[in-house]
Amino acid sequence: MKAVITFIGKDQIGIVHKATEILVKYSLNIVDINQTVMEDYFTMVMLVDISQSTVEFNEIVEAYNRLGEEIGMYIKVQHEAIFDAMHQI
């Protein structure tokens, strides 16, 4: 089981550090990651393996929602099932 986590917002120190703290806390593993800074804007997309997670999926979503509010960024967590369903239509 995998999830896609997207970050968009003003660049600032510590974004990746804070993002990975949650990964470690909940036993999530980065499968693939892409990040870039365009002028003052930071974007990152992580594909993470959630199969070893120590919590339910909704708790992961809530943790990243709280982080987004804390650092003033748009952070979206989507389960791979969403992408699978989109490609079956």
PDB file of N, CA and C in Angstrom:
ATOM      1  N   MET A   1       0.846  -1.173   0.000  1.00  0.00           N
ATOM      2  CA  MET A   1       0.000   0.000   0.000  1.00  0.00           C
ATOM      3  C   MET A   1       0.893   1.239   0.000  1.00  0.00           C
ATOM      4  N   LYS A   2       0.496   2.196  -0.820  1.00  0.00           N
ATOM      5  CA  LYS A   2       1.278   3.415  -0.945  1.00  0.00           C
ATOM      6  C   LYS A   2       0.374   4.635  -0.842  1.00  0.00           C
ATOM      7  N   ALA A   3       1.002   5.785  -0.615  1.00  0.00           N
ATOM      8  CA  ALA A   3       0.298   7.067  -0.597  1.00  0.00           C
ATOM      9  C   ALA A   3       1.179   8.100  -1.282  1.00  0.00           C
ATOM     10  N   VAL A   4       0.531   9.111  -1.840  1.00  0.00           N
ATOM     11  CA  VAL A   4       1.224  10.239  -2.452  1.00  0.00           C
ATOM     12  C   VAL A   4       1.009  11.441  -1.542  1.00  0.00           C
ATOM     13  N   ILE A   5       2.116  12.091  -1.161  1.00  0.00           N
ATOM     14  CA  ILE A   5       2.043  13.261  -0.297  1.00  0.00           C
ATOM     15  C   ILE A   5       2.631  14.436  -1.068  1.00  0.00           C
ATOM     16  N   THR A   6       1.833  15.492  -1.230  1.00  0.00           N
ATOM     17  CA  THR A   6       2.207  16.661  -2.009  1.00  0.00           C
ATOM     18  C   THR A   6       2.337  17.878  -1.102  1.00  0.00           C
ATOM     19  N   PHE A   7       3.405  18.636  -1.281  1.00  0.00           N
ATOM     20  CA  PHE A   7       3.659  19.872  -0.540  1.00  0.00           C
ATOM     21  C   PHE A   7       3.783  21.025  -1.517  1.00  0.00           C
ATOM     22  N   ILE A   8       3.119  22.142  -1.233  1.00  0.00           N
ATOM     23  CA  ILE A   8       3.257  23.350  -2.044  1.00  0.00           C
ATOM     24  C   ILE A   8       3.185  24.552  -1.112  1.00  0.00           C
ATOM     25  N   GLY A   9       4.142  25.466  -1.254  1.00  0.00           N
ATOM     26  CA  GLY A   9       4.096  26.676  -0.443  1.00  0.00           C
ATOM     27  C   GLY A   9       5.393  27.448  -0.487  1.00  0.00           C
ATOM     28  N   LYS A  10       5.434  28.509   0.298  1.00  0.00           N
ATOM     29  CA  LYS A  10       6.628  29.339   0.381  1.00  0.00           C
ATOM     30  C   LYS A  10       7.790  28.512   0.933  1.00  0.00           C
ATOM     31  N   ASP A  11       8.950  28.668   0.331  1.00  0.00           N
ATOM     32  CA  ASP A  11      10.128  27.956   0.796  1.00  0.00           C
ATOM     33  C   ASP A  11      10.526  28.461   2.180  1.00  0.00           C
ATOM     34  N   GLN A  12      10.967  27.549   3.027  1.00  0.00           N
ATOM     35  CA  GLN A  12      11.427  27.899   4.366  1.00  0.00           C
ATOM     36  C   GLN A  12      12.335  26.791   4.874  1.00  0.00           C
ATOM     37  N   ILE A  13      13.108  27.106   5.852  1.00  0.00           N
ATOM     38  CA  ILE A  13      14.030  26.135   6.435  1.00  0.00           C
ATOM     39  C   ILE A  13      13.244  25.067   7.209  1.00  0.00           C
ATOM     40  N   GLY A  14      13.623  23.812   7.007  1.00  0.00           N
ATOM     41  CA  GLY A  14      13.085  22.727   7.820  1.00  0.00           C
ATOM     42  C   GLY A  14      11.900  21.964   7.267  1.00  0.00           C
ATOM     43  N   ILE A  15      11.462  22.257   6.050  1.00  0.00           N
ATOM     44  CA  ILE A  15      10.291  21.566   5.497  1.00  0.00           C
ATOM     45  C   ILE A  15      10.531  20.058   5.418  1.00  0.00           C
ATOM     46  N   VAL A  16      11.625  19.665   4.793  1.00  0.00           N
ATOM     47  CA  VAL A  16      11.902  18.240   4.606  1.00  0.00           C
ATOM     48  C   VAL A  16      12.106  17.559   5.964  1.00  0.00           C
ATOM     49  N   HIS A  17      12.778  18.236   6.868  1.00  0.00           N
ATOM     50  CA  HIS A  17      12.990  17.683   8.203  1.00  0.00           C
ATOM     51  C   HIS A  17      11.661  17.387   8.898  1.00  0.00           C
ATOM     52  N   LYS A  18      10.751  18.353   8.872  1.00  0.00           N
ATOM     53  CA  LYS A  18       9.453  18.167   9.531  1.00  0.00           C
ATOM     54  C   LYS A  18       8.621  17.096   8.832  1.00  0.00           C
ATOM     55  N   ALA A  19       8.715  17.050   7.509  1.00  0.00           N
ATOM     56  CA  ALA A  19       7.968  16.036   6.752  1.00  0.00           C
ATOM     57  C   ALA A  19       8.453  14.632   7.085  1.00  0.00           C
ATOM     58  N   THR A  20       9.764  14.483   7.206  1.00  0.00           N
ATOM     59  CA  THR A  20      10.300  13.148   7.464  1.00  0.00           C
ATOM     60  C   THR A  20      10.155  12.737   8.929  1.00  0.00           C
ATOM     61  N   GLU A  21      10.020  13.685   9.832  1.00  0.00           N
ATOM     62  CA  GLU A  21       9.747  13.326  11.226  1.00  0.00           C
ATOM     63  C   GLU A  21       8.460  12.504  11.326  1.00  0.00           C
ATOM     64  N   ILE A  22       7.449  12.896  10.564  1.00  0.00           N
ATOM     65  CA  ILE A  22       6.178  12.169  10.569  1.00  0.00           C
ATOM     66  C   ILE A  22       6.367  10.781   9.955  1.00  0.00           C
ATOM     67  N   LEU A  23       7.156  10.706   8.881  1.00  0.00           N
ATOM     68  CA  LEU A  23       7.415   9.407   8.262  1.00  0.00           C
ATOM     69  C   LEU A  23       8.027   8.442   9.269  1.00  0.00           C
ATOM     70  N   VAL A  24       9.022   8.905  10.000  1.00  0.00           N
ATOM     71  CA  VAL A  24       9.696   8.060  10.988  1.00  0.00           C
ATOM     72  C   VAL A  24       8.741   7.689  12.120  1.00  0.00           C
ATOM     73  N   LYS A  25       7.991   8.674  12.604  1.00  0.00           N
ATOM     74  CA  LYS A  25       7.072   8.446  13.720  1.00  0.00           C
ATOM     75  C   LYS A  25       6.070   7.330  13.422  1.00  0.00           C
ATOM     76  N   TYR A  26       5.582   7.268  12.166  1.00  0.00           N
ATOM     77  CA  TYR A  26       4.547   6.310  11.803  1.00  0.00           C
ATOM     78  C   TYR A  26       5.063   5.131  10.973  1.00  0.00           C
ATOM     79  N   SER A  27       6.374   4.958  10.879  1.00  0.00           N
ATOM     80  CA  SER A  27       7.002   3.838  10.151  1.00  0.00           C
ATOM     81  C   SER A  27       6.617   3.807   8.676  1.00  0.00           C
ATOM     82  N   LEU A  28       6.697   4.956   8.032  1.00  0.00           N
ATOM     83  CA  LEU A  28       6.441   5.077   6.598  1.00  0.00           C
ATOM     84  C   LEU A  28       7.789   5.142   5.882  1.00  0.00           C
ATOM     85  N   ASN A  29       7.837   4.657   4.645  1.00  0.00           N
ATOM     86  CA  ASN A  29       9.092   4.623   3.907  1.00  0.00           C
ATOM     87  C   ASN A  29       8.951   5.342   2.567  1.00  0.00           C
ATOM     88  N   ILE A  30       9.905   6.205   2.249  1.00  0.00           N
ATOM     89  CA  ILE A  30       9.900   6.904   0.960  1.00  0.00           C
ATOM     90  C   ILE A  30      10.293   5.925  -0.133  1.00  0.00           C
ATOM     91  N   VAL A  31       9.411   5.803  -1.138  1.00  0.00           N
ATOM     92  CA  VAL A  31       9.681   4.973  -2.303  1.00  0.00           C
ATOM     93  C   VAL A  31      10.297   5.834  -3.402  1.00  0.00           C
ATOM     94  N   ASP A  32       9.768   7.047  -3.550  1.00  0.00           N
ATOM     95  CA  ASP A  32      10.269   7.988  -4.551  1.00  0.00           C
ATOM     96  C   ASP A  32       9.974   9.394  -4.040  1.00  0.00           C
ATOM     97  N   ILE A  33      10.821  10.332  -4.407  1.00  0.00           N
ATOM     98  CA  ILE A  33      10.638  11.710  -3.962  1.00  0.00           C
ATOM     99  C   ILE A  33      11.153  12.650  -5.041  1.00  0.00           C
ATOM    100  N   ASN A  34      10.442  13.759  -5.195  1.00  0.00           N
ATOM    101  CA  ASN A  34      10.839  14.791  -6.146  1.00  0.00           C
ATOM    102  C   ASN A  34      10.544  16.132  -5.499  1.00  0.00           C
ATOM    103  N   GLN A  35      11.523  17.011  -5.492  1.00  0.00           N
ATOM    104  CA  GLN A  35      11.299  18.334  -4.935  1.00  0.00           C
ATOM    105  C   GLN A  35      11.984  19.370  -5.799  1.00  0.00           C
ATOM    106  N   THR A  36      11.450  20.577  -5.752  1.00  0.00           N
ATOM    107  CA  THR A  36      12.069  21.687  -6.469  1.00  0.00           C
ATOM    108  C   THR A  36      11.691  22.989  -5.779  1.00  0.00           C
ATOM    109  N   VAL A  37      12.519  23.984  -5.974  1.00  0.00           N
ATOM    110  CA  VAL A  37      12.220  25.332  -5.516  1.00  0.00           C
ATOM    111  C   VAL A  37      12.162  26.207  -6.757  1.00  0.00           C
ATOM    112  N   MET A  38      11.011  26.859  -6.963  1.00  0.00           N
ATOM    113  CA  MET A  38      10.822  27.764  -8.089  1.00  0.00           C
ATOM    114  C   MET A  38      10.649  29.166  -7.510  1.00  0.00           C
ATOM    115  N   GLU A  39      11.702  29.987  -7.664  1.00  0.00           N
ATOM    116  CA  GLU A  39      11.766  31.289  -7.015  1.00  0.00           C
ATOM    117  C   GLU A  39      11.575  31.104  -5.518  1.00  0.00           C
ATOM    118  N   ASP A  40      10.497  31.582  -4.932  1.00  0.00           N
ATOM    119  CA  ASP A  40      10.280  31.463  -3.485  1.00  0.00           C
ATOM    120  C   ASP A  40       9.355  30.306  -3.116  1.00  0.00           C
ATOM    121  N   TYR A  41       8.971  29.492  -4.090  1.00  0.00           N
ATOM    122  CA  TYR A  41       8.000  28.427  -3.829  1.00  0.00           C
ATOM    123  C   TYR A  41       8.659  27.054  -3.831  1.00  0.00           C
ATOM    124  N   PHE A  42       8.309  26.287  -2.810  1.00  0.00           N
ATOM    125  CA  PHE A  42       8.817  24.935  -2.627  1.00  0.00           C
ATOM    126  C   PHE A  42       7.720  23.955  -3.014  1.00  0.00           C
ATOM    127  N   THR A  43       8.065  22.952  -3.808  1.00  0.00           N
ATOM    128  CA  THR A  43       7.131  21.873  -4.117  1.00  0.00           C
ATOM    129  C   THR A  43       7.843  20.536  -3.890  1.00  0.00           C
ATOM    130  N   MET A  44       7.106  19.596  -3.366  1.00  0.00           N
ATOM    131  CA  MET A  44       7.656  18.260  -3.151  1.00  0.00           C
ATOM    132  C   MET A  44       6.528  17.246  -3.291  1.00  0.00           C
ATOM    133  N   VAL A  45       6.850  16.147  -3.940  1.00  0.00           N
ATOM    134  CA  VAL A  45       5.921  15.028  -4.044  1.00  0.00           C
ATOM    135  C   VAL A  45       6.669  13.788  -3.575  1.00  0.00           C
ATOM    136  N   MET A  46       6.082  13.108  -2.607  1.00  0.00           N
ATOM    137  CA  MET A  46       6.668  11.865  -2.098  1.00  0.00           C
ATOM    138  C   MET A  46       5.704  10.709  -2.342  1.00  0.00           C
ATOM    139  N   LEU A  47       6.230   9.623  -2.831  1.00  0.00           N
ATOM    140  CA  LEU A  47       5.484   8.364  -2.890  1.00  0.00           C
ATOM    141  C   LEU A  47       5.997   7.550  -1.716  1.00  0.00           C
ATOM    142  N   VAL A  48       5.109   7.206  -0.789  1.00  0.00           N
ATOM    143  CA  VAL A  48       5.541   6.507   0.423  1.00  0.00           C
ATOM    144  C   VAL A  48       4.827   5.176   0.570  1.00  0.00           C
ATOM    145  N   ASP A  49       5.571   4.220   1.085  1.00  0.00           N
ATOM    146  CA  ASP A  49       5.023   2.903   1.402  1.00  0.00           C
ATOM    147  C   ASP A  49       4.407   3.003   2.793  1.00  0.00           C
ATOM    148  N   ILE A  50       3.114   2.718   2.899  1.00  0.00           N
ATOM    149  CA  ILE A  50       2.417   2.811   4.179  1.00  0.00           C
ATOM    150  C   ILE A  50       2.076   1.427   4.746  1.00  0.00           C
ATOM    151  N   SER A  51       2.585   0.375   4.122  1.00  0.00           N
ATOM    152  CA  SER A  51       2.211  -0.981   4.537  1.00  0.00           C
ATOM    153  C   SER A  51       2.711  -1.348   5.937  1.00  0.00           C
ATOM    154  N   GLN A  52       3.756  -0.705   6.422  1.00  0.00           N
ATOM    155  CA  GLN A  52       4.287  -0.986   7.755  1.00  0.00           C
ATOM    156  C   GLN A  52       3.847   0.062   8.779  1.00  0.00           C
ATOM    157  N   SER A  53       2.887   0.903   8.400  1.00  0.00           N
ATOM    158  CA  SER A  53       2.453   1.999   9.268  1.00  0.00           C
ATOM    159  C   SER A  53       1.963   1.500  10.619  1.00  0.00           C
ATOM    160  N   THR A  54       2.257   2.285  11.645  1.00  0.00           N
ATOM    161  CA  THR A  54       1.848   1.942  13.003  1.00  0.00           C
ATOM    162  C   THR A  54       0.495   2.552  13.367  1.00  0.00           C
ATOM    163  N   VAL A  55      -0.128   3.288  12.421  1.00  0.00           N
ATOM    164  CA  VAL A  55      -1.410   3.956  12.668  1.00  0.00           C
ATOM    165  C   VAL A  55      -2.330   3.794  11.462  1.00  0.00           C
ATOM    166  N   GLU A  56      -3.590   4.152  11.652  1.00  0.00           N
ATOM    167  CA  GLU A  56      -4.553   4.129  10.546  1.00  0.00           C
ATOM    168  C   GLU A  56      -4.244   5.263   9.570  1.00  0.00           C
ATOM    169  N   PHE A  57      -4.679   5.111   8.316  1.00  0.00           N
ATOM    170  CA  PHE A  57      -4.403   6.088   7.266  1.00  0.00           C
ATOM    171  C   PHE A  57      -4.891   7.485   7.642  1.00  0.00           C
ATOM    172  N   ASN A  58      -6.084   7.577   8.244  1.00  0.00           N
ATOM    173  CA  ASN A  58      -6.628   8.900   8.572  1.00  0.00           C
ATOM    174  C   ASN A  58      -5.752   9.653   9.577  1.00  0.00           C
ATOM    175  N   GLU A  59      -5.017   8.927  10.419  1.00  0.00           N
ATOM    176  CA  GLU A  59      -4.113   9.599  11.360  1.00  0.00           C
ATOM    177  C   GLU A  59      -2.911  10.203  10.627  1.00  0.00           C
ATOM    178  N   ILE A  60      -2.461   9.543   9.578  1.00  0.00           N
ATOM    179  CA  ILE A  60      -1.384  10.092   8.743  1.00  0.00           C
ATOM    180  C   ILE A  60      -1.863  11.381   8.081  1.00  0.00           C
ATOM    181  N   VAL A  61      -3.069  11.327   7.521  1.00  0.00           N
ATOM    182  CA  VAL A  61      -3.658  12.511   6.875  1.00  0.00           C
ATOM    183  C   VAL A  61      -3.748  13.668   7.866  1.00  0.00           C
ATOM    184  N   GLU A  62      -4.247  13.394   9.053  1.00  0.00           N
ATOM    185  CA  GLU A  62      -4.386  14.442  10.072  1.00  0.00           C
ATOM    186  C   GLU A  62      -3.033  15.006  10.496  1.00  0.00           C
ATOM    187  N   ALA A  63      -2.026  14.164  10.613  1.00  0.00           N
ATOM    188  CA  ALA A  63      -0.691  14.634  10.997  1.00  0.00           C
ATOM    189  C   ALA A  63      -0.148  15.616   9.960  1.00  0.00           C
ATOM    190  N   TYR A  64      -0.330  15.294   8.684  1.00  0.00           N
ATOM    191  CA  TYR A  64       0.146  16.198   7.641  1.00  0.00           C
ATOM    192  C   TYR A  64      -0.742  17.438   7.519  1.00  0.00           C
ATOM    193  N   ASN A  65      -2.028  17.316   7.812  1.00  0.00           N
ATOM    194  CA  ASN A  65      -2.887  18.513   7.852  1.00  0.00           C
ATOM    195  C   ASN A  65      -2.411  19.472   8.932  1.00  0.00           C
ATOM    196  N   ARG A  66      -2.098  18.932  10.108  1.00  0.00           N
ATOM    197  CA  ARG A  66      -1.587  19.770  11.207  1.00  0.00           C
ATOM    198  C   ARG A  66      -0.257  20.421  10.822  1.00  0.00           C
ATOM    199  N   LEU A  67       0.618  19.642  10.183  1.00  0.00           N
ATOM    200  CA  LEU A  67       1.902  20.197   9.751  1.00  0.00           C
ATOM    201  C   LEU A  67       1.684  21.328   8.752  1.00  0.00           C
ATOM    202  N   GLY A  68       0.770  21.124   7.804  1.00  0.00           N
ATOM    203  CA  GLY A  68       0.475  22.172   6.821  1.00  0.00           C
ATOM    204  C   GLY A  68       0.029  23.460   7.491  1.00  0.00           C
ATOM    205  N   GLU A  69      -0.839  23.349   8.482  1.00  0.00           N
ATOM    206  CA  GLU A  69      -1.292  24.535   9.216  1.00  0.00           C
ATOM    207  C   GLU A  69      -0.135  25.178   9.977  1.00  0.00           C
ATOM    208  N   GLU A  70       0.689  24.349  10.584  1.00  0.00           N
ATOM    209  CA  GLU A  70       1.817  24.841  11.386  1.00  0.00           C
ATOM    210  C   GLU A  70       2.819  25.631  10.546  1.00  0.00           C
ATOM    211  N   ILE A  71       3.133  25.139   9.352  1.00  0.00           N
ATOM    212  CA  ILE A  71       4.169  25.785   8.542  1.00  0.00           C
ATOM    213  C   ILE A  71       3.600  26.610   7.390  1.00  0.00           C
ATOM    214  N   GLY A  72       2.275  26.695   7.296  1.00  0.00           N
ATOM    215  CA  GLY A  72       1.647  27.529   6.275  1.00  0.00           C
ATOM    216  C   GLY A  72       1.807  27.010   4.860  1.00  0.00           C
ATOM    217  N   MET A  73       1.679  25.701   4.693  1.00  0.00           N
ATOM    218  CA  MET A  73       1.801  25.094   3.366  1.00  0.00           C
ATOM    219  C   MET A  73       0.573  24.245   3.053  1.00  0.00           C
ATOM    220  N   TYR A  74       0.322  24.059   1.753  1.00  0.00           N
ATOM    221  CA  TYR A  74      -0.688  23.120   1.283  1.00  0.00           C
ATOM    222  C   TYR A  74      -0.031  21.748   1.286  1.00  0.00           C
ATOM    223  N   ILE A  75      -0.574  20.810   2.057  1.00  0.00           N
ATOM    224  CA  ILE A  75      -0.075  19.436   2.084  1.00  0.00           C
ATOM    225  C   ILE A  75      -1.273  18.513   1.894  1.00  0.00           C
ATOM    226  N   LYS A  76      -1.177  17.650   0.899  1.00  0.00           N
ATOM    227  CA  LYS A  76      -2.267  16.727   0.588  1.00  0.00           C
ATOM    228  C   LYS A  76      -1.733  15.300   0.613  1.00  0.00           C
ATOM    229  N   VAL A  77      -2.433  14.419   1.333  1.00  0.00           N
ATOM    230  CA  VAL A  77      -2.089  13.002   1.388  1.00  0.00           C
ATOM    231  C   VAL A  77      -3.193  12.240   0.686  1.00  0.00           C
ATOM    232  N   GLN A  78      -2.810  11.435  -0.305  1.00  0.00           N
ATOM    233  CA  GLN A  78      -3.789  10.665  -1.069  1.00  0.00           C
ATOM    234  C   GLN A  78      -3.367   9.197  -1.117  1.00  0.00           C
ATOM    235  N   HIS A  79      -4.309   8.327  -0.843  1.00  0.00           N
ATOM    236  CA  HIS A  79      -4.057   6.886  -0.894  1.00  0.00           C
ATOM    237  C   HIS A  79      -3.943   6.445  -2.343  1.00  0.00           C
ATOM    238  N   GLU A  80      -3.093   5.465  -2.605  1.00  0.00           N
ATOM    239  CA  GLU A  80      -2.907   4.981  -3.975  1.00  0.00           C
ATOM    240  C   GLU A  80      -4.207   4.456  -4.589  1.00  0.00           C
ATOM    241  N   ALA A  81      -5.159   4.037  -3.769  1.00  0.00           N
ATOM    242  CA  ALA A  81      -6.437   3.532  -4.277  1.00  0.00           C
ATOM    243  C   ALA A  81      -7.167   4.589  -5.088  1.00  0.00           C
ATOM    244  N   ILE A  82      -6.985   5.854  -4.741  1.00  0.00           N
ATOM    245  CA  ILE A  82      -7.602   6.957  -5.508  1.00  0.00           C
ATOM    246  C   ILE A  82      -7.078   6.960  -6.920  1.00  0.00           C
ATOM    247  N   PHE A  83      -5.760   6.815  -7.077  1.00  0.00           N
ATOM    248  CA  PHE A  83      -5.151   6.822  -8.397  1.00  0.00           C
ATOM    249  C   PHE A  83      -5.530   5.570  -9.182  1.00  0.00           C
ATOM    250  N   ASP A  84      -5.605   4.438  -8.497  1.00  0.00           N
ATOM    251  CA  ASP A  84      -6.026   3.206  -9.157  1.00  0.00           C
ATOM    252  C   ASP A  84      -7.446   3.336  -9.695  1.00  0.00           C
ATOM    253  N   ALA A  85      -8.333   3.906  -8.893  1.00  0.00           N
ATOM    254  CA  ALA A  85      -9.728   4.080  -9.307  1.00  0.00           C
ATOM    255  C   ALA A  85      -9.843   5.039 -10.489  1.00  0.00           C
ATOM    256  N   MET A  86      -9.047   6.094 -10.496  1.00  0.00           N
ATOM    257  CA  MET A  86      -9.100   7.056 -11.604  1.00  0.00           C
ATOM    258  C   MET A  86      -8.697   6.416 -12.923  1.00  0.00           C
ATOM    259  N   HIS A  87      -7.765   5.480 -12.878  1.00  0.00           N
ATOM    260  CA  HIS A  87      -7.306   4.853 -14.095  1.00  0.00           C
ATOM    261  C   HIS A  87      -8.197   3.708 -14.568  1.00  0.00           C
ATOM    262  N   GLN A  88      -9.152   3.302 -13.743  1.00  0.00           N
ATOM    263  CA  GLN A  88     -10.077   2.243 -14.145  1.00  0.00           C
ATOM    264  C   GLN A  88     -11.318   2.809 -14.804  1.00  0.00           C
ATOM    265  N   ILE A  89     -11.538   4.105 -14.690  1.00  0.00           N
ATOM    266  CA  ILE A  89     -12.741   4.729 -15.266  1.00  0.00           C
ATOM    267  C   ILE A  89     -12.564   4.952 -16.738  1.00  0.00           C
TER     268      ILE A  89
END
